[in-house]
C-alpha atoms as a PDB file:
ATOM      1  CA  UNK A   1     156.582  74.959 119.769  1.00  0.00           C
ATOM      2  CA  UNK A   2     152.971  75.817 120.593  1.00  0.00           C
ATOM      3  CA  UNK A   3     153.930  79.462 121.012  1.00  0.00           C
ATOM      4  CA  UNK A   4     155.504  79.501 117.554  1.00  0.00           C
ATOM      5  CA  UNK A   5     152.376  78.026 115.990  1.00  0.00           C
ATOM      6  CA  UNK A   6     150.195  80.609 117.744  1.00  0.00           C
ATOM      7  CA  UNK A   7     152.454  83.401 116.513  1.00  0.00           C
ATOM      8  CA  UNK A   8     152.112  82.130 112.952  1.00  0.00           C
ATOM      9  CA  UNK A   9     148.325  81.787 113.211  1.00  0.00           C
ATOM     10  CA  UNK A  10     147.686  85.015 115.128  1.00  0.00           C
ATOM     11  CA  UNK A  11     146.966  87.208 112.098  1.00  0.00           C
ATOM     12  CA  UNK A  12     144.914  84.588 110.200  1.00  0.00           C
ATOM     13  CA  UNK A  13     142.761  83.930 113.282  1.00  0.00           C
ATOM     14  CA  UNK A  14     142.123  87.644 113.774  1.00  0.00           C
ATOM     15  CA  UNK A  15     141.310  87.905 110.065  1.00  0.00           C
ATOM     16  CA  UNK A  16     138.917  84.952 110.401  1.00  0.00           C
ATOM     17  CA  UNK A  17     137.095  86.755 113.207  1.00  0.00           C
ATOM     18  CA  UNK A  18     136.911  89.901 111.098  1.00  0.00           C
ATOM     19  CA  UNK A  19     135.638  87.801 108.183  1.00  0.00           C
ATOM     20  CA  UNK A  20     132.952  86.274 110.415  1.00  0.00           C
ATOM     21  CA  UNK A  21     131.658  89.706 111.385  1.00  0.00           C
ATOM     22  CA  UNK A  22     131.773  90.850 107.778  1.00  0.00           C
ATOM     23  CA  UNK A  23     129.896  87.702 106.707  1.00  0.00           C
ATOM     24  CA  UNK A  24     127.180  88.433 109.276  1.00  0.00           C
ATOM     25  CA  UNK A  25     126.883  91.991 107.979  1.00  0.00           C
ATOM     26  CA  UNK A  26     126.723  90.850 104.356  1.00  0.00           C
ATOM     27  CA  UNK A  27     124.082  88.236 105.225  1.00  0.00           C
ATOM     28  CA  UNK A  28     121.921  90.833 106.983  1.00  0.00           C
ATOM     29  CA  UNK A  29     122.317  93.248 104.079  1.00  0.00           C
ATOM     30  CA  UNK A  30     121.451  90.569 101.509  1.00  0.00           C
ATOM     31  CA  UNK A  31     118.341  89.171 103.208  1.00  0.00           C
ATOM     32  CA  UNK A  32     117.308  92.269 105.242  1.00  0.00           C
ATOM     33  CA  UNK A  33     117.085  89.956 108.267  1.00  0.00           C
ATOM     34  CA  UNK A  34     119.297  87.383 109.969  1.00  0.00           C
ATOM     35  CA  UNK A  35     118.112  83.899 108.997  1.00  0.00           C
ATOM     36  CA  UNK A  36     118.644  81.397 111.793  1.00  0.00           C
ATOM     37  CA  UNK A  37     119.710  77.825 111.068  1.00  0.00           C
ATOM     38  CA  UNK A  38     116.807  75.421 110.698  1.00  0.00           C
ATOM     39  CA  UNK A  39     116.141  71.834 109.824  1.00  0.00           C
ATOM     40  CA  UNK A  40     114.404  71.113 106.547  1.00  0.00           C
ATOM     41  CA  UNK A  41     112.823  67.789 105.578  1.00  0.00           C
ATOM     42  CA  UNK A  42     116.018  66.163 104.298  1.00  0.00           C
ATOM     43  CA  UNK A  43     118.767  68.694 105.009  1.00  0.00           C
ATOM     44  CA  UNK A  44     119.790  71.707 107.032  1.00  0.00           C
ATOM     45  CA  UNK A  45     119.577  75.383 106.106  1.00  0.00           C
ATOM     46  CA  UNK A  46     122.568  76.961 107.825  1.00  0.00           C
ATOM     47  CA  UNK A  47     121.236  80.496 107.471  1.00  0.00           C
ATOM     48  CA  UNK A  48     123.669  83.161 108.598  1.00  0.00           C
ATOM     49  CA  UNK A  49     126.224  80.547 109.699  1.00  0.00           C
ATOM     50  CA  UNK A  50     126.977  79.680 106.075  1.00  0.00           C
ATOM     51  CA  UNK A  51     127.783  83.285 105.171  1.00  0.00           C
ATOM     52  CA  UNK A  52     129.854  83.739 108.335  1.00  0.00           C
ATOM     53  CA  UNK A  53     131.894  80.579 107.740  1.00  0.00           C
ATOM     54  CA  UNK A  54     132.285  81.403 104.070  1.00  0.00           C
ATOM     55  CA  UNK A  55     133.697  84.878 104.723  1.00  0.00           C
ATOM     56  CA  UNK A  56     135.793  83.722 107.675  1.00  0.00           C
ATOM     57  CA  UNK A  57     137.433  80.989 105.620  1.00  0.00           C
ATOM     58  CA  UNK A  58     138.132  83.392 102.751  1.00  0.00           C
ATOM     59  CA  UNK A  59     139.735  85.944 105.056  1.00  0.00           C
ATOM     60  CA  UNK A  60     141.682  83.279 106.972  1.00  0.00           C
ATOM     61  CA  UNK A  61     143.016  81.601 103.836  1.00  0.00           C
ATOM     62  CA  UNK A  62     144.074  84.797 102.082  1.00  0.00           C
ATOM     63  CA  UNK A  63     145.831  86.229 105.132  1.00  0.00           C
ATOM     64  CA  UNK A  64     147.541  82.899 105.729  1.00  0.00           C
ATOM     65  CA  UNK A  65     148.675  82.754 102.098  1.00  0.00           C
ATOM     66  CA  UNK A  66     149.849  86.358 101.745  1.00  0.00           C
ATOM     67  CA  UNK A  67     151.140  86.903 105.305  1.00  0.00           C
ATOM     68  CA  UNK A  68     150.823  90.711 105.434  1.00  0.00           C
ATOM     69  CA  UNK A  69     153.076  92.464 107.897  1.00  0.00           C
ATOM     70  CA  UNK A  70     151.199  95.240 109.625  1.00  0.00           C
ATOM     71  CA  UNK A  71     147.599  95.243 110.950  1.00  0.00           C
ATOM     72  CA  UNK A  72     146.352  97.710 108.323  1.00  0.00           C
ATOM     73  CA  UNK A  73     147.388  95.415 105.482  1.00  0.00           C
ATOM     74  CA  UNK A  74     146.031  92.411 107.365  1.00  0.00           C
ATOM     75  CA  UNK A  75     142.542  93.945 107.582  1.00  0.00           C
ATOM     76  CA  UNK A  76     142.700  95.026 103.953  1.00  0.00           C
ATOM     77  CA  UNK A  77     143.666  91.516 102.794  1.00  0.00           C
ATOM     78  CA  UNK A  78     141.025  90.001 105.111  1.00  0.00           C
ATOM     79  CA  UNK A  79     138.395  92.328 103.638  1.00  0.00           C
ATOM     80  CA  UNK A  80     139.306  91.277 100.095  1.00  0.00           C
ATOM     81  CA  UNK A  81     139.296  87.595 101.053  1.00  0.00           C
ATOM     82  CA  UNK A  82     135.963  87.798 102.867  1.00  0.00           C
ATOM     83  CA  UNK A  83     134.225  89.692 100.070  1.00  0.00           C
ATOM     84  CA  UNK A  84     135.445  87.353  97.328  1.00  0.00           C
ATOM     85  CA  UNK A  85     135.004  84.044  99.173  1.00  0.00           C
ATOM     86  CA  UNK A  86     131.410  83.506  98.029  1.00  0.00           C
ATOM     87  CA  UNK A  87     132.318  84.247  94.417  1.00  0.00           C
ATOM     88  CA  UNK A  88     135.206  81.778  94.508  1.00  0.00           C
ATOM     89  CA  UNK A  89     132.965  79.062  95.959  1.00  0.00           C
ATOM     90  CA  UNK A  90     130.297  79.741  93.317  1.00  0.00           C
ATOM     91  CA  UNK A  91     132.954  79.544  90.574  1.00  0.00           C
ATOM     92  CA  UNK A  92     134.310  76.240  91.892  1.00  0.00           C
ATOM     93  CA  UNK A  93     130.764  74.897  92.240  1.00  0.00           C
ATOM     94  CA  UNK A  94     129.969  75.787  88.615  1.00  0.00           C
ATOM     95  CA  UNK A  95     133.168  74.108  87.439  1.00  0.00           C
ATOM     96  CA  UNK A  96     132.357  70.958  89.409  1.00  0.00           C
ATOM     97  CA  UNK A  97     128.787  70.926  88.086  1.00  0.00           C
ATOM     98  CA  UNK A  98     130.017  71.286  84.501  1.00  0.00           C
ATOM     99  CA  UNK A  99     132.375  68.349  84.915  1.00  0.00           C
ATOM    100  CA  UNK A 100     129.644  66.293  86.559  1.00  0.00           C
ATOM    101  CA  UNK A 101     127.107  67.220  83.882  1.00  0.00           C
ATOM    102  CA  UNK A 102     129.568  66.292  81.140  1.00  0.00           C
ATOM    103  CA  UNK A 103     130.232  62.904  82.760  1.00  0.00           C
ATOM    104  CA  UNK A 104     126.515  62.217  83.154  1.00  0.00           C
ATOM    105  CA  UNK A 105     125.848  63.191  79.540  1.00  0.00           C
ATOM    106  CA  UNK A 106     128.634  60.909  78.284  1.00  0.00           C
ATOM    107  CA  UNK A 107     127.420  57.962  80.337  1.00  0.00           C
ATOM    108  CA  UNK A 108     123.807  58.468  79.197  1.00  0.00           C
ATOM    109  CA  UNK A 109     124.881  58.678  75.559  1.00  0.00           C
ATOM    110  CA  UNK A 110     126.916  55.506  76.003  1.00  0.00           C
ATOM    111  CA  UNK A 111     123.948  53.675  77.540  1.00  0.00           C
ATOM    112  CA  UNK A 112     121.639  54.822  74.749  1.00  0.00           C
ATOM    113  CA  UNK A 113     124.035  53.663  72.026  1.00  0.00           C
ATOM    114  CA  UNK A 114     124.551  50.347  73.787  1.00  0.00           C
ATOM    115  CA  UNK A 115     120.808  49.766  74.115  1.00  0.00           C
ATOM    116  CA  UNK A 116     120.314  50.645  70.420  1.00  0.00           C
ATOM    117  CA  UNK A 117     123.061  48.187  69.473  1.00  0.00           C
ATOM    118  CA  UNK A 118     121.431  45.453  71.581  1.00  0.00           C
ATOM    119  CA  UNK A 119     118.024  46.125  70.018  1.00  0.00           C
ATOM    120  CA  UNK A 120     119.497  45.964  66.523  1.00  0.00           C
ATOM    121  CA  UNK A 121     121.281  42.683  67.325  1.00  0.00           C
ATOM    122  CA  UNK A 122     118.029  41.153  68.639  1.00  0.00           C
ATOM    123  CA  UNK A 123     116.110  42.224  65.536  1.00  0.00           C
ATOM    124  CA  UNK A 124     118.717  40.840  63.140  1.00  0.00           C
ATOM    125  CA  UNK A 125     118.820  37.431  64.906  1.00  0.00           C
END
């Protein structure tokens, strides 16, 4: 059973390793230097680890989903997944922020109208 699982995950794991290396390269190209992880006042800056994990997950997920047959196609699919992973995460983040912003705006508008109604009721009494 364990052998069967390893056979299924062999290509995605290799693609994840390829995605990690590609993420490191893209990080170095973007910042002209490799930024090491560091602790900020209230959070962590993951530095190059974020880009490596991002690309590795994109490559892993796409190869797992598409299941290409030969190694050439696997590396091609992993390359596409690793390069587009950051864009997909940014898109999902924007969608989540829009939903959150809309909910906050609705709740603030509701509170403002309720407070106006309360003030009007106090004045009329």
